[in-house]
Amino acid sequence: MLQPSVVESSCAPYLVNGTAPECPCCTLLATLDDRIDNTVACSFLQSAVSTVAGHNWSYAKTIHNQCGVPAGYPLTKSFDCSLSPRTSVCRYRDEGLRPSLENTRYCTKKLM
């Protein structure tokens, strides 16, 4: 089971200082958003961000965009994750159910 500490270890520099997110952080986001439904990914990331000492929600809000990973939900402290669409935007795009999105470089990669 994925633990919030994984987000802390790979995404903390961005969440605290706004420095460019590194590959492990972006891969983690892409994997979460591609493998599990958005309501679960959203809840997990909200919880995980809260555990990062010195985190800044302004940075958290933009992390998907900085990584080029489309998200079906805003990553904010107050967003109700139960309101996000259940299927990830990567799945929509890859299954041809939605027009191609900009910046979807991670959606077409096979992620383990």
C-alpha atoms as a PDB file:
ATOM      1  CA  MET A   1       0.000   0.000   0.000  1.00  0.00           C
ATOM      2  CA  LEU A   2       1.256   3.446  -0.936  1.00  0.00           C
ATOM      3  CA  GLN A   3       2.207   5.584   2.037  1.00  0.00           C
ATOM      4  CA  PRO A   4       2.072   9.412   2.230  1.00  0.00           C
ATOM      5  CA  SER A   5       5.797   9.400   3.043  1.00  0.00           C
ATOM      6  CA  VAL A   6       6.441   8.558  -0.639  1.00  0.00           C
ATOM      7  CA  VAL A   7       5.040  11.976  -1.591  1.00  0.00           C
ATOM      8  CA  GLU A   8       7.167  13.634   1.060  1.00  0.00           C
ATOM      9  CA  SER A   9      10.366  11.978  -0.100  1.00  0.00           C
ATOM     10  CA  SER A  10       9.828  12.674  -3.806  1.00  0.00           C
ATOM     11  CA  CYS A  11       7.812  15.912  -3.932  1.00  0.00           C
ATOM     12  CA  ALA A  12       8.825  17.884  -0.819  1.00  0.00           C
ATOM     13  CA  PRO A  13      11.260  20.263  -2.575  1.00  0.00           C
ATOM     14  CA  TYR A  14       8.477  21.453  -4.856  1.00  0.00           C
ATOM     15  CA  LEU A  15       5.763  21.503  -2.182  1.00  0.00           C
ATOM     16  CA  VAL A  16       7.926  23.565   0.173  1.00  0.00           C
ATOM     17  CA  ASN A  17      10.047  25.779  -2.088  1.00  0.00           C
ATOM     18  CA  GLY A  18       8.392  25.635  -5.490  1.00  0.00           C
ATOM     19  CA  THR A  19      11.555  24.306  -7.129  1.00  0.00           C
ATOM     20  CA  ALA A  20      10.944  22.336 -10.317  1.00  0.00           C
ATOM     21  CA  PRO A  21       9.446  18.944  -9.429  1.00  0.00           C
ATOM     22  CA  GLU A  22      11.799  16.081 -10.105  1.00  0.00           C
ATOM     23  CA  CYS A  23      11.042  12.994 -12.171  1.00  0.00           C
ATOM     24  CA  PRO A  24      10.170  10.681  -9.228  1.00  0.00           C
ATOM     25  CA  CYS A  25       7.536  13.150  -8.057  1.00  0.00           C
ATOM     26  CA  CYS A  26       5.975  13.541 -11.507  1.00  0.00           C
ATOM     27  CA  THR A  27       6.060   9.799 -12.118  1.00  0.00           C
ATOM     28  CA  LEU A  28       4.303   9.267  -8.791  1.00  0.00           C
ATOM     29  CA  LEU A  29       1.554  11.709  -9.773  1.00  0.00           C
ATOM     30  CA  ALA A  30       1.130  10.126 -13.191  1.00  0.00           C
ATOM     31  CA  THR A  31       1.022   6.643 -11.690  1.00  0.00           C
ATOM     32  CA  LEU A  32      -1.568   7.635  -9.096  1.00  0.00           C
ATOM     33  CA  ASP A  33      -3.770   9.402 -11.589  1.00  0.00           C
ATOM     34  CA  ASP A  34      -3.510   6.644 -14.161  1.00  0.00           C
ATOM     35  CA  ARG A  35      -3.911   3.605 -11.900  1.00  0.00           C
ATOM     36  CA  ILE A  36      -6.604   4.563  -9.383  1.00  0.00           C
ATOM     37  CA  ASP A  37      -9.760   6.615  -9.629  1.00  0.00           C
ATOM     38  CA  ASN A  38      -9.571  10.337  -9.060  1.00  0.00           C
ATOM     39  CA  THR A  39     -11.495  10.378  -5.797  1.00  0.00           C
ATOM     40  CA  VAL A  40      -8.936   8.061  -4.193  1.00  0.00           C
ATOM     41  CA  ALA A  41      -5.921   9.825  -5.745  1.00  0.00           C
ATOM     42  CA  CYS A  42      -7.244  13.226  -4.682  1.00  0.00           C
ATOM     43  CA  SER A  43      -7.869  12.134  -1.081  1.00  0.00           C
ATOM     44  CA  PHE A  44      -4.486  10.435  -0.867  1.00  0.00           C
ATOM     45  CA  LEU A  45      -2.615  13.479  -2.186  1.00  0.00           C
ATOM     46  CA  GLN A  46      -4.492  15.910   0.070  1.00  0.00           C
ATOM     47  CA  SER A  47      -3.519  13.805   3.057  1.00  0.00           C
ATOM     48  CA  ALA A  48       0.055  13.328   1.864  1.00  0.00           C
ATOM     49  CA  VAL A  49       0.649  17.023   1.160  1.00  0.00           C
ATOM     50  CA  SER A  50      -0.560  17.856   4.663  1.00  0.00           C
ATOM     51  CA  THR A  51       2.183  15.648   6.135  1.00  0.00           C
ATOM     52  CA  VAL A  52       5.008  17.526   4.360  1.00  0.00           C
ATOM     53  CA  ALA A  53       6.540  19.947   6.874  1.00  0.00           C
ATOM     54  CA  GLY A  54       6.447  23.512   5.557  1.00  0.00           C
ATOM     55  CA  HIS A  55       4.213  22.652   2.585  1.00  0.00           C
ATOM     56  CA  ASN A  56       2.579  25.437   0.605  1.00  0.00           C
ATOM     57  CA  TRP A  57      -0.875  24.726  -0.860  1.00  0.00           C
ATOM     58  CA  SER A  58      -0.188  27.237  -3.651  1.00  0.00           C
ATOM     59  CA  TYR A  59       2.557  24.928  -4.898  1.00  0.00           C
ATOM     60  CA  ALA A  60       0.436  21.818  -4.376  1.00  0.00           C
ATOM     61  CA  LYS A  61      -2.302  23.377  -6.507  1.00  0.00           C
ATOM     62  CA  THR A  62       0.064  23.659  -9.486  1.00  0.00           C
ATOM     63  CA  ILE A  63       2.062  20.449  -9.149  1.00  0.00           C
ATOM     64  CA  HIS A  64       0.110  18.495 -11.781  1.00  0.00           C
ATOM     65  CA  ASN A  65       0.586  21.293 -14.302  1.00  0.00           C
ATOM     66  CA  GLN A  66       4.287  21.596 -13.482  1.00  0.00           C
ATOM     67  CA  CYS A  67       4.697  17.873 -14.115  1.00  0.00           C
ATOM     68  CA  GLY A  68       2.609  17.883 -17.287  1.00  0.00           C
ATOM     69  CA  VAL A  69       0.218  15.390 -15.726  1.00  0.00           C
ATOM     70  CA  PRO A  70      -3.457  16.193 -16.293  1.00  0.00           C
ATOM     71  CA  ALA A  71      -5.645  15.878 -13.225  1.00  0.00           C
ATOM     72  CA  GLY A  72      -9.374  15.510 -12.925  1.00  0.00           C
ATOM     73  CA  TYR A  73      -9.425  17.463  -9.667  1.00  0.00           C
ATOM     74  CA  PRO A  74      -7.783  20.519  -8.136  1.00  0.00           C
ATOM     75  CA  LEU A  75      -5.221  19.671  -5.473  1.00  0.00           C
ATOM     76  CA  THR A  76      -6.293  22.115  -2.791  1.00  0.00           C
ATOM     77  CA  LYS A  77      -6.804  21.823   0.927  1.00  0.00           C
ATOM     78  CA  SER A  78     -10.526  22.518   0.734  1.00  0.00           C
ATOM     79  CA  PHE A  79     -11.599  20.612  -2.389  1.00  0.00           C
ATOM     80  CA  ASP A  80     -14.156  17.863  -1.705  1.00  0.00           C
ATOM     81  CA  CYS A  81     -12.551  14.888  -3.462  1.00  0.00           C
ATOM     82  CA  SER A  82     -15.866  13.084  -3.698  1.00  0.00           C
ATOM     83  CA  LEU A  83     -16.845  15.662  -6.341  1.00  0.00           C
ATOM     84  CA  SER A  84     -14.049  14.710  -8.752  1.00  0.00           C
ATOM     85  CA  PRO A  85     -14.850  12.496 -11.740  1.00  0.00           C
ATOM     86  CA  ARG A  86     -14.053   8.891 -10.913  1.00  0.00           C
ATOM     87  CA  THR A  87     -12.118   8.076 -14.080  1.00  0.00           C
ATOM     88  CA  SER A  88      -8.723   9.671 -14.594  1.00  0.00           C
ATOM     89  CA  VAL A  89      -8.207  12.001 -17.540  1.00  0.00           C
ATOM     90  CA  CYS A  90      -5.371   9.738 -18.704  1.00  0.00           C
ATOM     91  CA  ARG A  91      -7.758   6.825 -18.955  1.00  0.00           C
ATOM     92  CA  TYR A  92     -10.296   8.952 -20.805  1.00  0.00           C
ATOM     93  CA  ARG A  93      -7.692  10.084 -23.322  1.00  0.00           C
ATOM     94  CA  ASP A  94      -6.097   6.687 -23.799  1.00  0.00           C
ATOM     95  CA  GLU A  95      -9.477   5.028 -24.336  1.00  0.00           C
ATOM     96  CA  GLY A  96     -10.463   7.650 -26.905  1.00  0.00           C
ATOM     97  CA  LEU A  97     -13.406   8.894 -24.858  1.00  0.00           C
ATOM     98  CA  ARG A  98     -12.154  12.456 -24.746  1.00  0.00           C
ATOM     99  CA  PRO A  99     -10.274  14.720 -27.133  1.00  0.00           C
ATOM    100  CA  SER A 100      -6.518  14.677 -26.790  1.00  0.00           C
ATOM    101  CA  LEU A 101      -5.345  16.952 -23.993  1.00  0.00           C
ATOM    102  CA  GLU A 102      -2.350  19.246 -23.999  1.00  0.00           C
ATOM    103  CA  ASN A 103       0.640  18.201 -21.953  1.00  0.00           C
ATOM    104  CA  THR A 104      -0.232  14.518 -21.622  1.00  0.00           C
ATOM    105  CA  ARG A 105       3.263  13.104 -22.029  1.00  0.00           C
ATOM    106  CA  TYR A 106       2.864  10.800 -19.011  1.00  0.00           C
ATOM    107  CA  CYS A 107      -0.483   9.379 -20.095  1.00  0.00           C
ATOM    108  CA  THR A 108       0.935   7.361 -22.951  1.00  0.00           C
ATOM    109  CA  LYS A 109       3.837   5.842 -21.021  1.00  0.00           C
ATOM    110  CA  LYS A 110       3.624   2.477 -19.353  1.00  0.00           C
ATOM    111  CA  LEU A 111       4.205   3.166 -15.673  1.00  0.00           C
ATOM    112  CA  MET A 112       4.965   0.533 -13.090  1.00  0.00           C
END
